[in-house]
Amino acid sequence: MASKPIASDGPSSGLIRLGLVTALVTGVMDQVNKWWMLVVYDIDQNGQVAFLPFMDLVFVLNRGISYGLFTQSDHRGQYMLAAIAVLVSIGLLVWLLRGEQNRLSALSIGLIIGGAVGNAIDRIHLGGVADFYLLHGFGFSWYVFNIADVAIVAGVVGLLVDVFWANRSNASKPTQ
C-alpha cells in the first residue's frame, strides 16, 4: 500500500500547516508568558496577587503532572516526564502529518503538541512546570495552571468533540 506524501498541495497540507502553526504559536506564547511572569514581573518575589475576583497570580513549580500527581523531586524524574511529553508530541505529530484530520482535530493536535512541548521545556530548564493562575470562587480553590495546560485541555476537549461529533454524524447516515 502506497503512503501519502507528507508535503502536498491538497487540502490536507493546509490542515497540517494549521496544526504545526498552532503548535508553534502555543509553545511560544506559553514560554513568553512564563519568561515574563518569572523574569519581568518576578512573580516569585511578589507572592500571591489578586488579579480578578475569581483568579489570583501565584508561582508554583509543579514537579509532578496534573494536580501534582507523580511528583518527581530529582532531575532524572523531571527528564523522564519531559521525555514522555516529547514522545507523546512525536506521536501526535506523526498523526498530524498523516493528513487525515479535519480542521478541529488539526487545531486540537497543535494545541496539545505546543502545550506539551512548553511544559517539557520547563521541566528541563526549571526542574518542574511553572504554573501561575489560580482559579477560586465560592469557597473553593482549584488547581494552579499555565497557558500550556489550558492549550492541552482545550486540545483534548476538541479531539473529544471531534470524535463524538463524527460518530454522531456517521450514526445519522443511512446504511445501505
N, C-alpha and C. Protein backbone atom coordinates (compact mmCIF):
# COMPACT_ATOMS: atom_id res chain seq x y z
N MET A 1 0.85 -1.18 0.00
CA MET A 1 0.00 0.00 0.00
C MET A 1 0.89 1.24 0.00
N ALA A 2 0.66 2.13 -0.91
CA ALA A 2 1.47 3.35 -1.03
C ALA A 2 1.07 4.33 0.07
N SER A 3 2.07 5.02 0.61
CA SER A 3 1.78 6.00 1.64
C SER A 3 1.56 7.36 1.00
N LYS A 4 0.85 8.21 1.73
CA LYS A 4 0.58 9.57 1.25
C LYS A 4 1.84 10.41 1.40
N PRO A 5 2.13 11.27 0.45
CA PRO A 5 3.26 12.18 0.64
C PRO A 5 2.91 13.21 1.71
N ILE A 6 3.91 13.53 2.52
CA ILE A 6 3.68 14.50 3.59
C ILE A 6 3.46 15.90 3.02
N ALA A 7 4.31 16.30 2.10
CA ALA A 7 4.19 17.65 1.53
C ALA A 7 3.41 17.55 0.22
N SER A 8 2.20 18.02 0.25
CA SER A 8 1.39 18.05 -0.96
C SER A 8 0.65 19.37 -1.02
N ASP A 9 0.00 19.59 -2.12
CA ASP A 9 -0.76 20.82 -2.25
C ASP A 9 -2.24 20.59 -2.02
N GLY A 10 -2.60 19.40 -1.55
CA GLY A 10 -4.01 19.07 -1.33
C GLY A 10 -4.54 19.73 -0.07
N PRO A 11 -5.82 19.46 0.20
CA PRO A 11 -6.45 20.07 1.37
C PRO A 11 -5.79 19.67 2.69
N SER A 12 -5.19 18.47 2.74
CA SER A 12 -4.58 18.05 4.00
C SER A 12 -3.35 18.87 4.34
N SER A 13 -2.64 19.41 3.32
CA SER A 13 -1.45 20.21 3.61
C SER A 13 -1.82 21.48 4.37
N GLY A 14 -2.97 22.05 4.08
CA GLY A 14 -3.42 23.23 4.82
C GLY A 14 -3.74 22.88 6.27
N LEU A 15 -4.29 21.69 6.50
CA LEU A 15 -4.59 21.26 7.86
C LEU A 15 -3.32 20.91 8.62
N ILE A 16 -2.34 20.33 7.93
CA ILE A 16 -1.05 20.06 8.56
C ILE A 16 -0.40 21.37 8.97
N ARG A 17 -0.44 22.33 8.07
CA ARG A 17 0.12 23.66 8.35
C ARG A 17 -0.60 24.30 9.54
N LEU A 18 -1.94 24.18 9.59
CA LEU A 18 -2.71 24.71 10.71
C LEU A 18 -2.25 24.10 12.03
N GLY A 19 -2.09 22.79 12.05
CA GLY A 19 -1.65 22.12 13.27
C GLY A 19 -0.25 22.53 13.68
N LEU A 20 0.66 22.62 12.72
CA LEU A 20 2.05 23.00 13.02
C LEU A 20 2.15 24.44 13.50
N VAL A 21 1.43 25.34 12.84
CA VAL A 21 1.45 26.75 13.25
C VAL A 21 0.81 26.90 14.63
N THR A 22 -0.27 26.16 14.89
CA THR A 22 -0.91 26.20 16.20
C THR A 22 0.05 25.72 17.28
N ALA A 23 0.78 24.63 17.01
CA ALA A 23 1.75 24.12 17.98
C ALA A 23 2.84 25.15 18.25
N LEU A 24 3.35 25.76 17.20
CA LEU A 24 4.42 26.75 17.35
C LEU A 24 3.93 27.98 18.13
N VAL A 25 2.79 28.51 17.74
CA VAL A 25 2.25 29.70 18.42
C VAL A 25 1.95 29.40 19.88
N THR A 26 1.36 28.23 20.14
CA THR A 26 1.04 27.85 21.52
C THR A 26 2.30 27.74 22.36
N GLY A 27 3.31 27.04 21.84
CA GLY A 27 4.55 26.88 22.58
C GLY A 27 5.25 28.21 22.85
N VAL A 28 5.27 29.07 21.84
CA VAL A 28 5.92 30.38 22.01
C VAL A 28 5.15 31.24 23.00
N MET A 29 3.81 31.27 22.88
CA MET A 29 3.01 32.06 23.83
C MET A 29 3.24 31.59 25.26
N ASP A 30 3.26 30.29 25.45
CA ASP A 30 3.48 29.72 26.78
C ASP A 30 4.84 30.13 27.33
N GLN A 31 5.88 29.97 26.53
CA GLN A 31 7.22 30.29 27.02
C GLN A 31 7.42 31.78 27.24
N VAL A 32 6.87 32.62 26.39
CA VAL A 32 6.97 34.07 26.58
C VAL A 32 6.23 34.48 27.85
N ASN A 33 5.04 33.91 28.07
CA ASN A 33 4.29 34.22 29.29
C ASN A 33 5.07 33.79 30.53
N LYS A 34 5.68 32.62 30.50
CA LYS A 34 6.46 32.15 31.65
C LYS A 34 7.68 33.03 31.88
N TRP A 35 8.36 33.40 30.80
CA TRP A 35 9.51 34.29 30.94
C TRP A 35 9.08 35.62 31.56
N TRP A 36 7.98 36.18 31.07
CA TRP A 36 7.52 37.46 31.58
C TRP A 36 7.15 37.35 33.06
N MET A 37 6.40 36.31 33.41
CA MET A 37 5.98 36.14 34.80
C MET A 37 7.17 35.92 35.74
N LEU A 38 8.17 35.17 35.30
CA LEU A 38 9.31 34.85 36.16
C LEU A 38 10.38 35.93 36.18
N VAL A 39 10.67 36.53 35.02
CA VAL A 39 11.80 37.45 34.92
C VAL A 39 11.36 38.91 35.04
N VAL A 40 10.36 39.31 34.28
CA VAL A 40 9.95 40.72 34.26
C VAL A 40 9.08 41.04 35.47
N TYR A 41 7.99 40.29 35.65
CA TYR A 41 7.07 40.55 36.75
C TYR A 41 7.62 40.04 38.08
N ASP A 42 8.50 39.04 38.03
CA ASP A 42 9.13 38.45 39.21
C ASP A 42 8.09 37.93 40.21
N ILE A 43 7.20 37.09 39.70
CA ILE A 43 6.09 36.57 40.50
C ILE A 43 6.57 35.86 41.75
N ASP A 44 7.73 35.24 41.71
CA ASP A 44 8.25 34.54 42.88
C ASP A 44 8.45 35.50 44.06
N GLN A 45 8.87 36.73 43.78
CA GLN A 45 9.08 37.72 44.84
C GLN A 45 7.80 38.44 45.23
N ASN A 46 6.83 38.55 44.31
CA ASN A 46 5.58 39.26 44.59
C ASN A 46 4.60 38.44 45.41
N GLY A 47 4.77 37.14 45.43
CA GLY A 47 3.83 36.29 46.17
C GLY A 47 2.48 36.25 45.48
N GLN A 48 1.46 35.80 46.20
CA GLN A 48 0.12 35.70 45.63
C GLN A 48 -0.50 37.09 45.48
N VAL A 49 -1.00 37.35 44.26
CA VAL A 49 -1.56 38.66 43.94
C VAL A 49 -2.97 38.47 43.39
N ALA A 50 -3.95 39.19 43.97
CA ALA A 50 -5.32 39.14 43.45
C ALA A 50 -5.32 39.79 42.07
N PHE A 51 -5.82 39.07 41.08
CA PHE A 51 -5.81 39.55 39.70
C PHE A 51 -7.23 39.86 39.23
N LEU A 52 -8.12 38.93 39.43
CA LEU A 52 -9.54 39.06 39.13
C LEU A 52 -10.31 38.53 40.34
N PRO A 53 -11.60 38.83 40.44
CA PRO A 53 -12.34 38.32 41.60
C PRO A 53 -12.29 36.80 41.74
N PHE A 54 -12.02 36.09 40.66
CA PHE A 54 -12.01 34.63 40.67
C PHE A 54 -10.64 34.05 40.32
N MET A 55 -9.60 34.91 40.17
CA MET A 55 -8.28 34.42 39.77
C MET A 55 -7.18 35.22 40.46
N ASP A 56 -6.22 34.50 41.01
CA ASP A 56 -5.03 35.11 41.59
C ASP A 56 -3.81 34.69 40.78
N LEU A 57 -2.77 35.52 40.86
CA LEU A 57 -1.47 35.17 40.30
C LEU A 57 -0.61 34.64 41.43
N VAL A 58 0.02 33.53 41.22
CA VAL A 58 0.87 32.91 42.23
C VAL A 58 1.88 32.02 41.50
N PHE A 59 3.04 31.81 42.08
CA PHE A 59 4.03 30.94 41.44
C PHE A 59 4.07 29.60 42.15
N VAL A 60 3.88 28.54 41.35
CA VAL A 60 4.01 27.17 41.85
C VAL A 60 4.87 26.42 40.84
N LEU A 61 5.91 25.76 41.33
CA LEU A 61 6.71 24.90 40.47
C LEU A 61 6.21 23.48 40.65
N ASN A 62 5.45 23.02 39.68
CA ASN A 62 4.82 21.70 39.75
C ASN A 62 5.83 20.65 39.29
N ARG A 63 6.26 19.81 40.21
CA ARG A 63 7.24 18.77 39.90
C ARG A 63 6.58 17.44 39.54
N GLY A 64 5.24 17.46 39.43
CA GLY A 64 4.51 16.26 39.03
C GLY A 64 3.79 16.52 37.73
N ILE A 65 2.70 15.76 37.52
CA ILE A 65 1.86 16.01 36.36
C ILE A 65 0.60 16.69 36.87
N SER A 66 -0.50 16.57 36.20
CA SER A 66 -1.74 17.25 36.61
C SER A 66 -2.03 17.06 38.08
N TYR A 67 -2.39 18.16 38.72
CA TYR A 67 -2.72 18.18 40.14
C TYR A 67 -1.58 17.70 41.02
N GLY A 68 -0.34 17.76 40.54
CA GLY A 68 0.82 17.36 41.33
C GLY A 68 0.99 15.85 41.47
N LEU A 69 0.25 15.06 40.70
CA LEU A 69 0.40 13.60 40.77
C LEU A 69 1.77 13.17 40.25
N PHE A 70 2.29 12.10 40.77
CA PHE A 70 3.57 11.51 40.35
C PHE A 70 4.71 12.52 40.48
N THR A 71 4.75 13.22 41.60
CA THR A 71 5.79 14.23 41.84
C THR A 71 7.17 13.60 41.74
N GLN A 72 8.05 14.26 41.02
CA GLN A 72 9.43 13.82 40.83
C GLN A 72 10.35 14.88 41.42
N SER A 73 11.13 14.51 42.43
CA SER A 73 11.92 15.51 43.13
C SER A 73 13.33 15.69 42.55
N ASP A 74 13.79 14.78 41.71
CA ASP A 74 15.14 14.93 41.16
C ASP A 74 15.09 15.16 39.65
N HIS A 75 16.24 15.51 39.10
CA HIS A 75 16.31 15.82 37.67
C HIS A 75 16.01 14.61 36.79
N ARG A 76 16.39 13.42 37.23
CA ARG A 76 16.10 12.23 36.42
C ARG A 76 14.60 12.06 36.24
N GLY A 77 13.84 12.26 37.29
CA GLY A 77 12.39 12.16 37.21
C GLY A 77 11.80 13.22 36.30
N GLN A 78 12.33 14.44 36.37
CA GLN A 78 11.85 15.52 35.50
C GLN A 78 12.19 15.23 34.05
N TYR A 79 13.38 14.69 33.80
CA TYR A 79 13.75 14.33 32.43
C TYR A 79 12.85 13.22 31.91
N MET A 80 12.48 12.28 32.79
CA MET A 80 11.59 11.20 32.38
C MET A 80 10.22 11.77 31.98
N LEU A 81 9.67 12.68 32.80
CA LEU A 81 8.38 13.29 32.48
C LEU A 81 8.47 14.12 31.20
N ALA A 82 9.59 14.82 31.02
CA ALA A 82 9.79 15.60 29.79
C ALA A 82 9.88 14.67 28.58
N ALA A 83 10.57 13.54 28.74
CA ALA A 83 10.70 12.58 27.64
C ALA A 83 9.34 12.01 27.26
N ILE A 84 8.51 11.72 28.25
CA ILE A 84 7.15 11.22 27.96
C ILE A 84 6.37 12.26 27.16
N ALA A 85 6.46 13.54 27.57
CA ALA A 85 5.76 14.61 26.85
C ALA A 85 6.27 14.73 25.42
N VAL A 86 7.57 14.59 25.23
CA VAL A 86 8.14 14.68 23.88
C VAL A 86 7.70 13.48 23.04
N LEU A 87 7.68 12.29 23.62
CA LEU A 87 7.24 11.10 22.88
C LEU A 87 5.77 11.21 22.47
N VAL A 88 4.94 11.69 23.39
CA VAL A 88 3.52 11.90 23.06
C VAL A 88 3.41 12.94 21.93
N SER A 89 4.19 13.99 22.02
CA SER A 89 4.17 15.04 20.98
C SER A 89 4.60 14.49 19.63
N ILE A 90 5.61 13.61 19.63
CA ILE A 90 6.06 13.00 18.38
C ILE A 90 4.95 12.12 17.80
N GLY A 91 4.28 11.36 18.66
CA GLY A 91 3.16 10.54 18.18
C GLY A 91 2.06 11.39 17.59
N LEU A 92 1.73 12.50 18.24
CA LEU A 92 0.71 13.40 17.72
C LEU A 92 1.17 14.06 16.42
N LEU A 93 2.45 14.38 16.34
CA LEU A 93 2.99 14.97 15.12
C LEU A 93 2.88 13.99 13.95
N VAL A 94 3.18 12.73 14.20
CA VAL A 94 3.04 11.71 13.15
C VAL A 94 1.58 11.63 12.71
N TRP A 95 0.67 11.63 13.66
CA TRP A 95 -0.76 11.61 13.36
C TRP A 95 -1.14 12.82 12.49
N LEU A 96 -0.65 13.99 12.89
CA LEU A 96 -0.93 15.22 12.14
C LEU A 96 -0.38 15.12 10.72
N LEU A 97 0.85 14.64 10.57
CA LEU A 97 1.50 14.58 9.26
C LEU A 97 0.86 13.56 8.33
N ARG A 98 0.11 12.63 8.88
CA ARG A 98 -0.60 11.68 8.01
C ARG A 98 -1.70 12.39 7.23
N GLY A 99 -2.11 13.56 7.69
CA GLY A 99 -3.04 14.39 6.94
C GLY A 99 -4.47 13.88 6.89
N GLU A 100 -4.88 13.14 7.90
CA GLU A 100 -6.23 12.57 7.89
C GLU A 100 -7.15 13.28 8.88
N GLN A 101 -6.91 14.55 9.14
CA GLN A 101 -7.71 15.29 10.11
C GLN A 101 -8.68 16.23 9.41
N ASN A 102 -9.57 16.73 10.22
CA ASN A 102 -10.37 17.87 9.80
C ASN A 102 -9.80 19.09 10.52
N ARG A 103 -10.41 20.22 10.34
CA ARG A 103 -9.89 21.46 10.92
C ARG A 103 -9.83 21.41 12.45
N LEU A 104 -10.88 20.90 13.09
CA LEU A 104 -10.91 20.85 14.55
C LEU A 104 -9.84 19.92 15.10
N SER A 105 -9.68 18.75 14.51
CA SER A 105 -8.68 17.82 15.04
C SER A 105 -7.26 18.32 14.78
N ALA A 106 -7.00 18.95 13.64
CA ALA A 106 -5.66 19.51 13.37
C ALA A 106 -5.33 20.61 14.37
N LEU A 107 -6.29 21.49 14.63
CA LEU A 107 -6.11 22.55 15.61
C LEU A 107 -5.88 21.97 17.01
N SER A 108 -6.66 20.97 17.37
CA SER A 108 -6.56 20.34 18.68
C SER A 108 -5.22 19.65 18.88
N ILE A 109 -4.77 18.95 17.86
CA ILE A 109 -3.47 18.29 17.94
C ILE A 109 -2.37 19.33 18.10
N GLY A 110 -2.45 20.43 17.37
CA GLY A 110 -1.47 21.51 17.51
C GLY A 110 -1.45 22.09 18.91
N LEU A 111 -2.62 22.29 19.50
CA LEU A 111 -2.69 22.81 20.88
C LEU A 111 -2.00 21.86 21.86
N ILE A 112 -2.27 20.57 21.72
CA ILE A 112 -1.67 19.60 22.65
C ILE A 112 -0.16 19.54 22.47
N ILE A 113 0.30 19.51 21.23
CA ILE A 113 1.74 19.46 20.99
C ILE A 113 2.42 20.71 21.57
N GLY A 114 1.89 21.88 21.26
CA GLY A 114 2.50 23.12 21.76
C GLY A 114 2.52 23.18 23.27
N GLY A 115 1.43 22.76 23.92
CA GLY A 115 1.38 22.77 25.38
C GLY A 115 2.33 21.75 25.99
N ALA A 116 2.38 20.56 25.43
CA ALA A 116 3.25 19.51 25.97
C ALA A 116 4.72 19.89 25.83
N VAL A 117 5.09 20.45 24.69
CA VAL A 117 6.48 20.88 24.49
C VAL A 117 6.82 22.03 25.42
N GLY A 118 5.89 22.99 25.59
CA GLY A 118 6.12 24.10 26.51
C GLY A 118 6.38 23.62 27.93
N ASN A 119 5.59 22.67 28.41
CA ASN A 119 5.79 22.15 29.75
C ASN A 119 7.05 21.29 29.84
N ALA A 120 7.40 20.58 28.76
CA ALA A 120 8.64 19.79 28.75
C ALA A 120 9.86 20.71 28.85
N ILE A 121 9.81 21.84 28.17
CA ILE A 121 10.92 22.82 28.26
C ILE A 121 11.08 23.27 29.71
N ASP A 122 9.97 23.53 30.39
CA ASP A 122 10.04 23.93 31.80
C ASP A 122 10.73 22.85 32.64
N ARG A 123 10.34 21.61 32.44
CA ARG A 123 10.90 20.51 33.24
C ARG A 123 12.41 20.45 33.08
N ILE A 124 12.89 20.63 31.85
CA ILE A 124 14.32 20.57 31.61
C ILE A 124 15.02 21.82 32.14
N HIS A 125 14.43 22.97 31.91
CA HIS A 125 15.05 24.26 32.27
C HIS A 125 14.89 24.61 33.75
N LEU A 126 13.69 24.35 34.32
CA LEU A 126 13.38 24.79 35.69
C LEU A 126 13.31 23.65 36.71
N GLY A 127 13.29 22.42 36.24
CA GLY A 127 13.15 21.29 37.16
C GLY A 127 11.71 21.01 37.55
N GLY A 128 10.77 21.58 36.84
CA GLY A 128 9.34 21.40 37.06
C GLY A 128 8.60 22.38 36.16
N VAL A 129 7.28 22.29 36.18
CA VAL A 129 6.46 23.15 35.32
C VAL A 129 6.05 24.40 36.10
N ALA A 130 6.30 25.58 35.52
CA ALA A 130 5.92 26.84 36.14
C ALA A 130 4.44 27.10 35.91
N ASP A 131 3.68 27.19 37.00
CA ASP A 131 2.24 27.47 36.95
C ASP A 131 1.98 28.79 37.68
N PHE A 132 0.99 29.57 37.19
CA PHE A 132 0.78 30.91 37.72
C PHE A 132 -0.65 31.30 38.04
N TYR A 133 -1.62 30.65 37.45
CA TYR A 133 -3.00 31.12 37.53
C TYR A 133 -3.82 30.23 38.45
N LEU A 134 -4.36 30.82 39.51
CA LEU A 134 -5.15 30.09 40.50
C LEU A 134 -6.60 30.53 40.40
N LEU A 135 -7.48 29.61 40.01
CA LEU A 135 -8.92 29.89 39.97
C LEU A 135 -9.52 29.60 41.35
N HIS A 136 -10.43 30.47 41.77
CA HIS A 136 -11.10 30.26 43.05
C HIS A 136 -12.47 30.93 43.03
N GLY A 137 -13.31 30.47 43.88
CA GLY A 137 -14.63 31.06 44.00
C GLY A 137 -15.54 30.20 44.84
N PHE A 138 -16.49 30.83 45.50
CA PHE A 138 -17.49 30.14 46.31
C PHE A 138 -16.84 29.25 47.37
N GLY A 139 -15.70 29.69 47.89
CA GLY A 139 -15.02 28.95 48.93
C GLY A 139 -14.13 27.83 48.44
N PHE A 140 -14.02 27.65 47.14
CA PHE A 140 -13.19 26.60 46.58
C PHE A 140 -11.98 27.20 45.87
N SER A 141 -10.85 26.50 45.96
CA SER A 141 -9.66 26.85 45.19
C SER A 141 -9.35 25.67 44.28
N TRP A 142 -9.27 25.93 42.99
CA TRP A 142 -8.92 24.88 42.06
C TRP A 142 -7.41 24.88 41.87
N TYR A 143 -6.95 24.13 40.94
CA TYR A 143 -5.51 23.99 40.75
C TYR A 143 -4.89 25.23 40.11
N VAL A 144 -3.57 25.31 40.19
CA VAL A 144 -2.80 26.39 39.58
C VAL A 144 -2.34 25.87 38.21
N PHE A 145 -2.46 26.71 37.18
CA PHE A 145 -2.18 26.26 35.82
C PHE A 145 -1.44 27.33 35.03
N ASN A 146 -1.10 27.00 33.79
CA ASN A 146 -0.42 27.93 32.89
C ASN A 146 -1.05 27.85 31.50
N ILE A 147 -0.52 28.61 30.56
CA ILE A 147 -1.08 28.63 29.20
C ILE A 147 -0.97 27.26 28.53
N ALA A 148 0.13 26.56 28.75
CA ALA A 148 0.30 25.22 28.15
C ALA A 148 -0.79 24.28 28.64
N ASP A 149 -1.11 24.35 29.94
CA ASP A 149 -2.17 23.49 30.49
C ASP A 149 -3.52 23.79 29.84
N VAL A 150 -3.82 25.06 29.65
CA VAL A 150 -5.07 25.45 29.00
C VAL A 150 -5.11 24.90 27.58
N ALA A 151 -3.98 25.01 26.87
CA ALA A 151 -3.92 24.52 25.49
C ALA A 151 -4.12 23.00 25.43
N ILE A 152 -3.49 22.28 26.35
CA ILE A 152 -3.63 20.82 26.37
C ILE A 152 -5.08 20.43 26.64
N VAL A 153 -5.70 21.05 27.64
CA VAL A 153 -7.09 20.73 27.96
C VAL A 153 -8.01 21.09 26.79
N ALA A 154 -7.81 22.26 26.19
CA ALA A 154 -8.63 22.66 25.05
C ALA A 154 -8.44 21.69 23.88
N GLY A 155 -7.20 21.25 23.67
CA GLY A 155 -6.93 20.29 22.60
C GLY A 155 -7.60 18.95 22.83
N VAL A 156 -7.55 18.46 24.07
CA VAL A 156 -8.20 17.19 24.39
C VAL A 156 -9.71 17.32 24.23
N VAL A 157 -10.28 18.42 24.72
CA VAL A 157 -11.72 18.64 24.56
C VAL A 157 -12.08 18.71 23.07
N GLY A 158 -11.26 19.40 22.29
CA GLY A 158 -11.50 19.49 20.85
C GLY A 158 -11.49 18.12 20.19
N LEU A 159 -10.53 17.27 20.56
CA LEU A 159 -10.49 15.91 19.99
C LEU A 159 -11.70 15.09 20.41
N LEU A 160 -12.12 15.23 21.68
CA LEU A 160 -13.31 14.50 22.14
C LEU A 160 -14.56 14.96 21.39
N VAL A 161 -14.70 16.27 21.23
CA VAL A 161 -15.84 16.80 20.48
C VAL A 161 -15.81 16.27 19.06
N ASP A 162 -14.63 16.28 18.46
CA ASP A 162 -14.49 15.80 17.09
C ASP A 162 -14.88 14.32 16.98
N VAL A 163 -14.43 13.51 17.91
CA VAL A 163 -14.74 12.08 17.88
C VAL A 163 -16.24 11.85 18.04
N PHE A 164 -16.83 12.50 19.04
CA PHE A 164 -18.26 12.30 19.28
C PHE A 164 -19.11 12.91 18.17
N TRP A 165 -18.68 14.02 17.62
CA TRP A 165 -19.39 14.66 16.52
C TRP A 165 -19.34 13.75 15.29
N ALA A 166 -18.15 13.21 15.00
CA ALA A 166 -18.01 12.32 13.84
C ALA A 166 -18.86 11.07 14.02
N ASN A 167 -18.84 10.49 15.23
CA ASN A 167 -19.66 9.30 15.50
C ASN A 167 -21.14 9.61 15.36
N ARG A 168 -21.54 10.77 15.82
CA ARG A 168 -22.95 11.17 15.74
C ARG A 168 -23.39 11.36 14.30
N SER A 169 -22.53 12.04 13.50
CA SER A 169 -22.92 12.27 12.10
C SER A 169 -22.85 10.96 11.30
N ASN A 170 -21.93 10.06 11.65
CA ASN A 170 -21.89 8.76 10.97
C ASN A 170 -23.10 7.92 11.33
N ALA A 171 -23.57 8.03 12.58
CA ALA A 171 -24.74 7.24 13.02
C ALA A 171 -26.01 7.73 12.34
N SER A 172 -26.06 9.00 11.95
CA SER A 172 -27.27 9.53 11.33
C SER A 172 -27.35 9.25 9.83
N LYS A 173 -26.23 8.77 9.24
CA LYS A 173 -26.23 8.47 7.81
C LYS A 173 -26.96 7.15 7.59
N PRO A 174 -27.77 7.08 6.55
CA PRO A 174 -28.48 5.82 6.27
C PRO A 174 -27.50 4.74 5.80
N THR A 175 -27.73 3.51 6.24
CA THR A 175 -26.89 2.40 5.82
C THR A 175 -27.48 1.77 4.58
N GLN A 176 -26.65 1.14 3.81
CA GLN A 176 -27.11 0.53 2.56
C GLN A 176 -27.09 -0.95 2.63
